[in-house]
Amino acid sequence: MIYPTRRAVALAAAGAPVALLLGLLTPRLWVTGAVWLIFVLGLMLLDALSSASRAEADLALDLPASLGMGRSSEALATARFAGRPPRRAEIAIGESPLVRTEPPVARLQFAGAEATARLTLEPRRRGLSQIGESWLRWTGPLGLTWTQIHGEAPRTVPVLPDLEGVKAEAIRLFARDALMGVKLQLDTGDGSDFHALNEARGAIDPRTVDWKQSARHHKLLVKEFRTERNHPVIVAIDTGHEMCSPLDGAPRVDRAINAALLLAFVALKTGDRAGAYGFDARPGGFSGVVSGAAAFPRLQRHLARLDYSEAETNFTLGLTQLGALIDRRSLIVIFTEFADATSAELMVENVTRLLRRHVVLFVVFEDPELDAAVRAPPDTAEAVARAVTARGLLRARQVVLARLARLGVQVVEAPAARMGAALIDAYLQIKRAELL
């Protein structure tokens, strides 16, 4: 495809006032306008013929096999010319509803026959995204015409939960020299399962001394315990419309899936079992309870299939169904969001039912927009109204969370960036306290 540039349009339009003026002064000179247009068209034809050949151009895209929700990835666009290349060119990639491309148009400078542009792909939602429809265009020596070619056909790239981020966070939390958070090396020293007898070193708890074995071996031996294992940990994720609202550039449900994957990974690594469940207006699928790190991909696939919903969450139906699916005392981790007193009341009522048999960990994300509205300077009446409304919502939220805590629910409220560490910390405290 060949079409005019802005410079060509401006050049053609520049002759119109002159031709009009000459036509008014001397009617016989009205042909000046036509002559000017023919002259500009001739320059455009010369520019197009002098431009790099379309037949010698090639555009290739190197796309990642998959994208992680909440994590930017990089795509490489490479333009090659078999013959003489242009001095500059532009590459554009068609945007997908699921993925945003930055920059929308990338500019190339040719030092040789090949030039490469790096494009940032920012996922907006999970799903199968069609990426790769691309265009390459360049101007002739005079800059009057664009020559454009169409690149490869679109390719399907899945947008999945941020597995790389989960792995990085897990490695950081498992590191023995971690400066923040709770160390995860809790196999020994905590819990009530007898592990081994060791010779006493340093300060000891007298209750751990095995006096009979100490007398037999003529040295002081203490019992070493380890954390109990094989407890079911069920992550239940609300996928209703409140959880599909954005939080720091990504839907809350995707933030919840990343935190749930991290918790499941840690639970499986420390010897517990894990399962995943989704619900909104109707109960979603249940992955079943799995054990061992080799079963982690099964939970990944199940959580990746959780879809976005615009429906109101039915806590009664969703949590009742979950309680019927679990036949053993478990740690149930509920990721949800609430905005009104009615839904909060139904939520508290159904969480209370789960507490009769299970340990419940209730997880909500801090809302930076509400905090920013409360802290904003009251410069205008609109700012004051926003601050009052935000403060009321935050106060109602804290009342609900305090009520849950009084009932015996373990509550975690943290920013999205620190949710993983806060969630693992709460999980390990529950294991230490032997609540399961």
Protein backbone atom coordinates (compact mmCIF):
# COMPACT_ATOMS: atom_id res chain seq x y z
CA MET A 1 0.00 0.00 0.00
CA ILE A 2 1.26 3.48 -0.92
CA TYR A 3 -0.43 6.64 0.36
CA PRO A 4 0.50 10.32 0.94
CA THR A 5 2.14 11.66 4.04
CA ARG A 6 1.10 14.77 5.93
CA ARG A 7 3.86 16.66 4.16
CA ALA A 8 2.33 15.82 0.77
CA VAL A 9 -1.15 16.88 1.91
CA ALA A 10 0.22 20.12 3.34
CA LEU A 11 2.19 20.79 0.14
CA ALA A 12 -0.88 20.22 -2.03
CA ALA A 13 -3.03 22.41 0.24
CA ALA A 14 -0.42 25.20 0.25
CA GLY A 15 -1.00 25.84 -3.45
CA ALA A 16 -4.77 26.23 -3.09
CA PRO A 17 -4.80 29.82 -1.66
CA VAL A 18 -2.31 30.98 -4.29
CA ALA A 19 -4.30 29.41 -7.13
CA LEU A 20 -7.53 30.95 -5.76
CA LEU A 21 -5.96 34.39 -5.51
CA LEU A 22 -4.56 34.20 -9.05
CA GLY A 23 -7.92 33.00 -10.35
CA LEU A 24 -9.67 35.99 -8.77
CA LEU A 25 -7.16 38.46 -10.15
CA THR A 26 -6.77 36.87 -13.59
CA PRO A 27 -9.42 34.31 -14.48
CA ARG A 28 -7.22 32.82 -17.19
CA LEU A 29 -4.76 31.66 -14.45
CA TRP A 30 -7.32 29.33 -12.78
CA VAL A 31 -5.39 26.40 -14.27
CA THR A 32 -2.53 27.24 -11.91
CA GLY A 33 -4.21 25.14 -9.19
CA ALA A 34 -4.48 22.11 -11.44
CA VAL A 35 -0.89 22.53 -12.56
CA TRP A 36 0.21 22.69 -8.91
CA LEU A 37 -1.67 19.50 -8.05
CA ILE A 38 -0.15 17.71 -11.04
CA PHE A 39 3.28 18.92 -9.92
CA VAL A 40 2.73 17.59 -6.37
CA LEU A 41 1.44 14.27 -7.74
CA GLY A 42 4.54 14.02 -9.89
CA LEU A 43 6.78 14.58 -6.87
CA MET A 44 4.84 11.92 -4.96
CA LEU A 45 5.25 9.46 -7.83
CA LEU A 46 8.97 10.19 -7.97
CA ASP A 47 9.21 9.76 -4.21
CA ALA A 48 7.36 6.42 -4.32
CA LEU A 49 9.56 5.12 -7.15
CA SER A 50 12.71 6.16 -5.26
CA SER A 51 11.57 4.52 -2.00
CA ALA A 52 12.73 1.12 -0.75
CA SER A 53 10.91 -1.71 -2.50
CA ARG A 54 7.94 -3.41 -0.82
CA ALA A 55 8.95 -6.73 -2.35
CA GLU A 56 12.32 -6.59 -0.59
CA ALA A 57 10.86 -5.82 2.88
CA ASP A 58 10.15 -8.37 5.59
CA LEU A 59 8.71 -7.94 9.09
CA ALA A 60 9.05 -10.60 11.82
CA LEU A 61 7.74 -10.65 15.41
CA ASP A 62 9.26 -12.63 18.26
CA LEU A 63 6.49 -13.04 20.85
CA PRO A 64 6.68 -14.82 24.24
CA ALA A 65 4.97 -18.20 24.47
CA SER A 66 2.70 -16.87 27.23
CA LEU A 67 2.16 -13.73 29.29
CA GLY A 68 1.82 -13.42 33.06
CA MET A 69 -1.00 -11.29 34.41
CA GLY A 70 0.40 -8.23 36.17
CA ARG A 71 3.88 -8.63 34.66
CA SER A 72 5.14 -6.87 31.53
CA SER A 73 6.84 -8.91 28.83
CA GLU A 74 8.91 -7.94 25.83
CA ALA A 75 8.34 -8.59 22.13
CA LEU A 76 10.94 -8.03 19.41
CA ALA A 77 9.93 -6.65 16.02
CA THR A 78 12.59 -7.04 13.31
CA ALA A 79 12.44 -5.35 9.91
CA ARG A 80 14.76 -6.58 7.12
CA PHE A 81 15.37 -5.32 3.59
CA ALA A 82 16.99 -7.45 0.94
CA GLY A 83 17.94 -4.34 -1.02
CA ARG A 84 18.48 -0.72 -0.04
CA PRO A 85 16.70 0.04 3.24
CA PRO A 86 15.05 3.36 4.12
CA ARG A 87 16.65 5.67 6.65
CA ARG A 88 13.72 5.36 9.04
CA ALA A 89 10.63 3.21 9.43
CA GLU A 90 7.73 2.70 11.82
CA ILE A 91 6.26 -0.52 13.23
CA ALA A 92 2.77 -0.84 14.72
CA ILE A 93 1.16 -3.89 16.35
CA GLY A 94 -2.59 -4.25 16.54
CA GLU A 95 -3.76 -4.13 20.15
CA SER A 96 -5.74 -6.93 21.72
CA PRO A 97 -8.53 -6.32 24.26
CA LEU A 98 -6.45 -8.41 26.67
CA VAL A 99 -2.99 -6.93 26.06
CA ARG A 100 -1.76 -3.35 25.67
CA THR A 101 1.32 -2.60 23.56
CA GLU A 102 3.81 0.14 24.43
CA PRO A 103 4.74 2.12 22.46
CA PRO A 104 1.81 1.87 20.03
CA VAL A 105 4.15 2.87 17.20
CA ALA A 106 7.86 2.02 17.38
CA ARG A 107 10.38 3.92 15.25
CA LEU A 108 13.37 2.25 13.62
CA GLN A 109 16.69 3.71 12.51
CA PHE A 110 18.49 1.64 9.87
CA ALA A 111 22.26 1.45 10.03
CA GLY A 112 22.26 -1.62 7.82
CA ALA A 113 19.75 -3.93 6.19
CA GLU A 114 18.10 -4.84 9.52
CA ALA A 115 16.68 -2.96 12.50
CA THR A 116 14.95 -4.18 15.68
CA ALA A 117 12.42 -2.53 17.97
CA ARG A 118 11.54 -3.66 21.49
CA LEU A 119 7.88 -3.48 22.42
CA THR A 120 6.38 -3.90 25.89
CA LEU A 121 3.32 -6.11 26.25
CA GLU A 122 1.19 -5.31 29.30
CA PRO A 123 -1.60 -7.85 29.99
CA ARG A 124 -4.93 -6.42 31.08
CA ARG A 125 -6.93 -9.60 31.58
CA ARG A 126 -6.43 -13.35 31.51
CA GLY A 127 -7.52 -15.35 28.49
CA LEU A 128 -6.40 -16.19 24.95
CA SER A 129 -5.11 -13.06 23.23
CA GLN A 130 -4.69 -12.58 19.49
CA ILE A 131 -1.37 -10.74 19.10
CA GLY A 132 0.88 -10.24 16.14
CA GLU A 133 -1.07 -8.37 13.47
CA SER A 134 1.59 -5.86 12.49
CA TRP A 135 2.44 -3.21 9.94
CA LEU A 136 5.71 -1.71 8.71
CA ARG A 137 5.83 1.59 6.85
CA TRP A 138 8.49 3.98 5.60
CA THR A 139 8.74 7.16 3.53
CA GLY A 140 10.59 7.92 0.35
CA PRO A 141 13.58 10.29 0.10
CA LEU A 142 11.29 13.33 -0.22
CA GLY A 143 9.02 12.26 2.62
CA LEU A 144 5.86 12.61 0.50
CA THR A 145 4.60 9.02 0.41
CA TRP A 146 4.26 6.16 2.86
CA THR A 147 4.99 2.64 1.68
CA GLN A 148 3.36 0.06 3.94
CA ILE A 149 3.38 -3.73 4.23
CA HIS A 150 1.32 -6.04 6.40
CA GLY A 151 3.24 -8.40 8.69
CA GLU A 152 2.45 -11.87 9.97
CA ALA A 153 -1.01 -13.17 10.80
CA PRO A 154 -2.05 -12.82 14.47
CA ARG A 155 -1.00 -15.55 16.87
CA THR A 156 -2.77 -16.82 19.97
CA VAL A 157 -0.81 -16.06 23.14
CA PRO A 158 -2.34 -17.18 26.46
CA VAL A 159 -2.44 -14.66 29.30
CA LEU A 160 -1.99 -16.72 32.46
CA PRO A 161 -1.56 -16.01 36.18
CA ASP A 162 1.86 -14.53 36.93
CA LEU A 163 3.74 -17.79 37.53
CA GLU A 164 7.16 -16.13 37.26
CA GLY A 165 6.21 -13.67 39.96
CA VAL A 166 4.94 -16.51 42.15
CA LYS A 167 8.21 -18.42 41.72
CA ALA A 168 10.33 -15.34 42.47
CA GLU A 169 8.30 -14.55 45.60
CA ALA A 170 8.48 -18.16 46.76
CA ILE A 171 12.26 -18.25 46.32
CA ARG A 172 12.59 -15.00 48.26
CA LEU A 173 10.44 -16.28 51.11
CA PHE A 174 12.21 -19.62 51.25
CA ALA A 175 15.66 -18.01 51.40
CA ARG A 176 17.36 -18.59 54.78
CA ASP A 177 18.89 -15.13 54.77
CA ALA A 178 15.61 -13.29 54.02
CA LEU A 179 15.62 -9.95 55.83
CA MET A 180 11.84 -9.48 55.76
CA GLY A 181 8.95 -11.77 56.59
CA VAL A 182 9.00 -15.11 58.34
CA LYS A 183 11.51 -17.79 57.43
CA LEU A 184 9.89 -20.92 56.16
CA GLN A 185 12.36 -23.47 57.52
CA LEU A 186 9.89 -24.71 60.13
CA ASP A 187 10.30 -28.44 59.69
CA THR A 188 11.89 -28.69 63.11
CA GLY A 189 11.61 -26.73 66.31
CA ASP A 190 7.89 -25.99 66.03
CA GLY A 191 4.71 -28.02 66.23
CA SER A 192 3.91 -31.13 68.22
CA ASP A 193 5.01 -34.05 66.01
CA PHE A 194 8.00 -35.84 67.55
CA HIS A 195 10.95 -35.74 65.16
CA ALA A 196 14.19 -36.84 66.89
CA LEU A 197 16.33 -36.79 70.02
CA ASN A 198 19.29 -34.45 70.04
CA GLU A 199 21.95 -33.57 72.56
CA ALA A 200 21.09 -30.41 74.43
CA ARG A 201 22.95 -27.31 73.27
CA GLY A 202 22.60 -23.87 74.81
CA ALA A 203 19.41 -22.79 76.57
CA ILE A 204 16.65 -25.43 76.51
CA ASP A 205 13.06 -25.81 77.61
CA PRO A 206 13.04 -28.33 80.54
CA ARG A 207 9.76 -29.75 79.23
CA THR A 208 11.56 -31.09 76.15
CA VAL A 209 14.12 -33.10 78.11
CA ASP A 210 13.77 -36.89 77.77
CA TRP A 211 14.99 -37.91 81.24
CA LYS A 212 14.82 -41.67 80.65
CA GLN A 213 16.96 -41.55 77.47
CA SER A 214 19.32 -39.02 79.07
CA ALA A 215 19.96 -41.40 81.96
CA ARG A 216 20.52 -44.31 79.59
CA HIS A 217 23.05 -42.42 77.41
CA HIS A 218 24.65 -40.45 80.26
CA LYS A 219 24.08 -37.12 78.51
CA LEU A 220 21.27 -34.61 78.39
CA LEU A 221 18.94 -35.37 75.44
CA VAL A 222 16.03 -33.20 74.36
CA LYS A 223 13.08 -34.00 72.15
CA GLU A 224 12.88 -32.19 68.84
CA PHE A 225 9.50 -31.58 67.29
CA ARG A 226 8.37 -30.57 63.84
CA THR A 227 5.32 -28.90 62.41
CA GLU A 228 2.41 -31.18 61.67
CA ARG A 229 1.85 -31.95 58.00
CA ASN A 230 -0.78 -33.22 55.58
CA HIS A 231 -3.37 -30.56 56.46
CA PRO A 232 -5.76 -29.53 53.64
CA VAL A 233 -5.40 -25.88 52.58
CA ILE A 234 -8.30 -24.75 50.35
CA VAL A 235 -8.15 -21.41 48.54
CA ALA A 236 -11.63 -20.10 47.70
CA ILE A 237 -11.64 -17.15 45.29
CA ASP A 238 -14.63 -14.89 44.78
CA THR A 239 -14.85 -14.04 41.04
CA GLY A 240 -17.87 -11.72 41.26
CA HIS A 241 -17.98 -8.19 39.92
CA GLU A 242 -16.44 -6.61 43.04
CA MET A 243 -13.36 -8.81 42.68
CA CYS A 244 -13.12 -8.01 38.96
CA SER A 245 -12.64 -4.29 39.63
CA PRO A 246 -9.08 -3.01 39.05
CA LEU A 247 -6.44 -2.72 41.75
CA ASP A 248 -3.06 -1.19 40.87
CA GLY A 249 -3.61 -1.83 37.18
CA ALA A 250 -4.91 -5.42 37.40
CA PRO A 251 -8.24 -6.99 38.42
CA ARG A 252 -8.45 -7.99 42.07
CA VAL A 253 -9.22 -11.58 41.10
CA ASP A 254 -5.86 -11.84 39.31
CA ARG A 255 -4.08 -10.45 42.35
CA ALA A 256 -5.90 -13.06 44.42
CA ILE A 257 -4.93 -15.88 42.04
CA ASN A 258 -1.25 -14.92 42.28
CA ALA A 259 -1.40 -14.89 46.09
CA ALA A 260 -3.33 -18.18 46.11
CA LEU A 261 -0.73 -19.83 43.86
CA LEU A 262 2.04 -18.68 46.19
CA LEU A 263 0.21 -20.07 49.23
CA ALA A 264 -0.50 -23.37 47.45
CA PHE A 265 3.15 -23.67 46.42
CA VAL A 266 4.37 -23.11 49.99
CA ALA A 267 1.73 -25.46 51.42
CA LEU A 268 2.70 -28.28 49.05
CA LYS A 269 6.40 -27.71 49.71
CA THR A 270 5.94 -27.87 53.47
CA GLY A 271 4.02 -31.15 53.33
CA ASP A 272 0.42 -29.95 53.41
CA ARG A 273 -2.24 -30.61 50.79
CA ALA A 274 -3.89 -27.90 48.67
CA GLY A 275 -7.06 -27.33 46.66
CA ALA A 276 -8.68 -24.47 44.72
CA TYR A 277 -12.30 -23.34 44.41
CA GLY A 278 -14.01 -20.43 42.65
CA PHE A 279 -17.47 -18.96 43.08
CA ASP A 280 -19.57 -15.94 42.11
CA ALA A 281 -23.36 -16.01 41.61
CA ARG A 282 -23.04 -19.80 41.36
CA PRO A 283 -20.51 -22.25 42.74
CA GLY A 284 -17.50 -22.83 40.51
CA GLY A 285 -15.42 -25.90 39.97
CA PHE A 286 -13.34 -27.51 42.69
CA SER A 287 -9.89 -28.80 41.82
CA GLY A 288 -9.92 -31.45 44.51
CA VAL A 289 -7.23 -31.70 47.18
CA VAL A 290 -3.76 -32.61 45.90
CA SER A 291 -0.44 -33.23 47.61
CA GLY A 292 3.21 -32.99 46.63
CA ALA A 293 4.98 -30.30 44.60
CA ALA A 294 4.42 -32.33 41.42
CA ALA A 295 0.68 -31.59 41.69
CA PHE A 296 1.19 -27.80 41.58
CA PRO A 297 0.55 -27.54 37.78
CA ARG A 298 -2.94 -28.97 38.33
CA LEU A 299 -3.76 -26.06 40.63
CA GLN A 300 -2.22 -23.64 38.13
CA ARG A 301 -4.50 -24.86 35.36
CA HIS A 302 -7.58 -24.78 37.57
CA LEU A 303 -6.96 -21.23 38.80
CA ALA A 304 -6.08 -20.03 35.27
CA ARG A 305 -9.56 -21.15 34.13
CA LEU A 306 -11.37 -18.94 36.67
CA ASP A 307 -13.26 -16.43 34.55
CA TYR A 308 -14.28 -12.84 35.20
CA SER A 309 -17.90 -12.28 36.17
CA GLU A 310 -20.21 -9.28 36.27
CA ALA A 311 -22.66 -11.04 38.58
CA GLU A 312 -23.24 -10.33 42.27
CA THR A 313 -21.51 -12.87 44.49
CA ASN A 314 -23.82 -15.35 46.21
CA PHE A 315 -21.95 -16.11 49.45
CA THR A 316 -24.68 -18.41 50.73
CA LEU A 317 -24.61 -20.71 47.72
CA GLY A 318 -20.86 -20.54 47.13
CA LEU A 319 -19.66 -21.14 50.69
CA THR A 320 -22.36 -23.72 51.48
CA GLN A 321 -21.28 -25.74 48.45
CA LEU A 322 -17.63 -25.44 49.51
CA GLY A 323 -18.46 -26.71 53.00
CA ALA A 324 -20.23 -29.72 51.50
CA LEU A 325 -17.21 -30.56 49.32
CA ILE A 326 -14.73 -30.75 52.24
CA ASP A 327 -15.04 -33.73 54.56
CA ARG A 328 -12.03 -33.03 56.80
CA ARG A 329 -11.08 -30.11 59.02
CA SER A 330 -9.19 -27.74 56.74
CA LEU A 331 -7.73 -24.27 56.45
CA ILE A 332 -10.09 -22.37 54.12
CA VAL A 333 -8.59 -19.20 52.67
CA ILE A 334 -11.30 -16.89 51.28
CA PHE A 335 -10.31 -14.12 48.87
CA THR A 336 -13.19 -11.68 48.47
CA GLU A 337 -14.31 -8.07 48.42
CA PHE A 338 -17.47 -6.41 49.74
CA ALA A 339 -18.93 -2.96 49.32
CA ASP A 340 -22.31 -2.86 51.07
CA ALA A 341 -23.74 -3.90 54.41
CA THR A 342 -26.16 -6.47 52.95
CA SER A 343 -23.52 -8.53 51.17
CA ALA A 344 -21.21 -8.19 54.19
CA GLU A 345 -23.92 -9.53 56.51
CA LEU A 346 -24.53 -12.57 54.29
CA MET A 347 -20.81 -13.13 54.01
CA VAL A 348 -20.27 -13.05 57.79
CA GLU A 349 -23.21 -15.40 58.36
CA ASN A 350 -21.84 -18.02 55.96
CA VAL A 351 -18.26 -17.69 57.14
CA THR A 352 -19.55 -18.36 60.66
CA ARG A 353 -21.01 -21.67 59.47
CA LEU A 354 -17.63 -22.71 58.06
CA LEU A 355 -15.98 -21.90 61.41
CA ARG A 356 -17.86 -24.74 63.09
CA ARG A 357 -15.65 -27.31 61.35
CA HIS A 358 -12.78 -25.42 59.74
CA VAL A 359 -10.18 -22.72 60.28
CA VAL A 360 -11.00 -19.72 58.10
CA LEU A 361 -8.45 -17.20 56.83
CA PHE A 362 -10.20 -14.16 55.38
CA VAL A 363 -8.16 -12.17 52.83
CA VAL A 364 -8.91 -8.67 51.50
CA PHE A 365 -6.71 -6.17 49.66
CA GLU A 366 -6.15 -2.66 50.93
CA ASP A 367 -7.67 -0.10 48.56
CA PRO A 368 -5.13 2.65 47.72
CA GLU A 369 -7.80 4.76 46.01
CA LEU A 370 -9.86 5.02 49.19
CA ASP A 371 -6.74 5.85 51.23
CA ALA A 372 -5.72 8.51 48.69
CA ALA A 373 -9.21 10.05 48.76
CA VAL A 374 -9.11 10.28 52.57
CA ARG A 375 -5.65 11.89 52.58
CA ALA A 376 -6.32 14.29 49.68
CA PRO A 377 -6.30 18.02 50.60
CA PRO A 378 -9.89 19.30 51.01
CA ASP A 379 -9.43 22.03 48.41
CA THR A 380 -12.85 21.73 46.80
CA ALA A 381 -16.33 20.64 47.78
CA GLU A 382 -15.94 17.60 45.53
CA ALA A 383 -12.72 16.58 47.31
CA VAL A 384 -14.44 16.94 50.69
CA ALA A 385 -17.36 14.79 49.52
CA ARG A 386 -14.99 12.12 48.22
CA ALA A 387 -13.03 12.11 51.47
CA VAL A 388 -16.18 11.78 53.60
CA THR A 389 -17.50 8.94 51.43
CA ALA A 390 -14.15 7.15 51.42
CA ARG A 391 -13.80 7.47 55.19
CA GLY A 392 -17.28 6.02 55.65
CA LEU A 393 -16.49 3.04 53.42
CA LEU A 394 -13.22 2.40 55.25
CA ARG A 395 -14.93 2.60 58.64
CA ALA A 396 -17.66 0.15 57.56
CA ARG A 397 -14.99 -2.17 56.19
CA GLN A 398 -13.05 -2.16 59.45
CA VAL A 399 -16.24 -2.89 61.42
CA VAL A 400 -16.84 -6.02 59.32
CA LEU A 401 -13.22 -7.19 59.63
CA ALA A 402 -13.25 -6.61 63.40
CA ARG A 403 -16.49 -8.59 63.70
CA LEU A 404 -14.92 -11.49 61.77
CA ALA A 405 -11.86 -11.40 64.03
CA ARG A 406 -14.06 -11.55 67.15
CA LEU A 407 -15.79 -14.62 65.73
CA GLY A 408 -12.43 -16.39 65.43
CA VAL A 409 -11.67 -15.76 61.76
CA GLN A 410 -8.03 -15.06 60.92
CA VAL A 411 -8.01 -11.82 58.90
CA VAL A 412 -5.31 -10.64 56.48
CA GLU A 413 -5.56 -7.16 54.98
CA ALA A 414 -2.52 -5.98 53.02
CA PRO A 415 -1.56 -4.04 49.88
CA ALA A 416 -1.39 -6.04 46.67
CA ALA A 417 2.41 -5.78 46.52
CA ARG A 418 2.84 -7.30 50.01
CA MET A 419 -0.07 -9.72 50.05
CA GLY A 420 2.06 -12.79 49.33
CA ALA A 421 4.35 -12.32 52.33
CA ALA A 422 1.44 -11.36 54.63
CA LEU A 423 -0.54 -14.42 53.58
CA ILE A 424 2.36 -16.84 54.11
CA ASP A 425 3.06 -15.24 57.48
CA ALA A 426 -0.55 -15.83 58.57
CA TYR A 427 -0.50 -19.42 57.27
CA LEU A 428 2.65 -20.24 59.23
CA GLN A 429 1.28 -18.67 62.40
CA ILE A 430 -1.81 -20.89 62.12
CA LYS A 431 0.45 -23.94 61.80
CA ARG A 432 2.54 -22.87 64.81
CA ALA A 433 -0.55 -22.37 66.91
CA GLU A 434 -1.70 -25.88 65.89
CA LEU A 435 -5.17 -24.58 65.06
CA LEU A 436 -5.64 -27.36 62.54
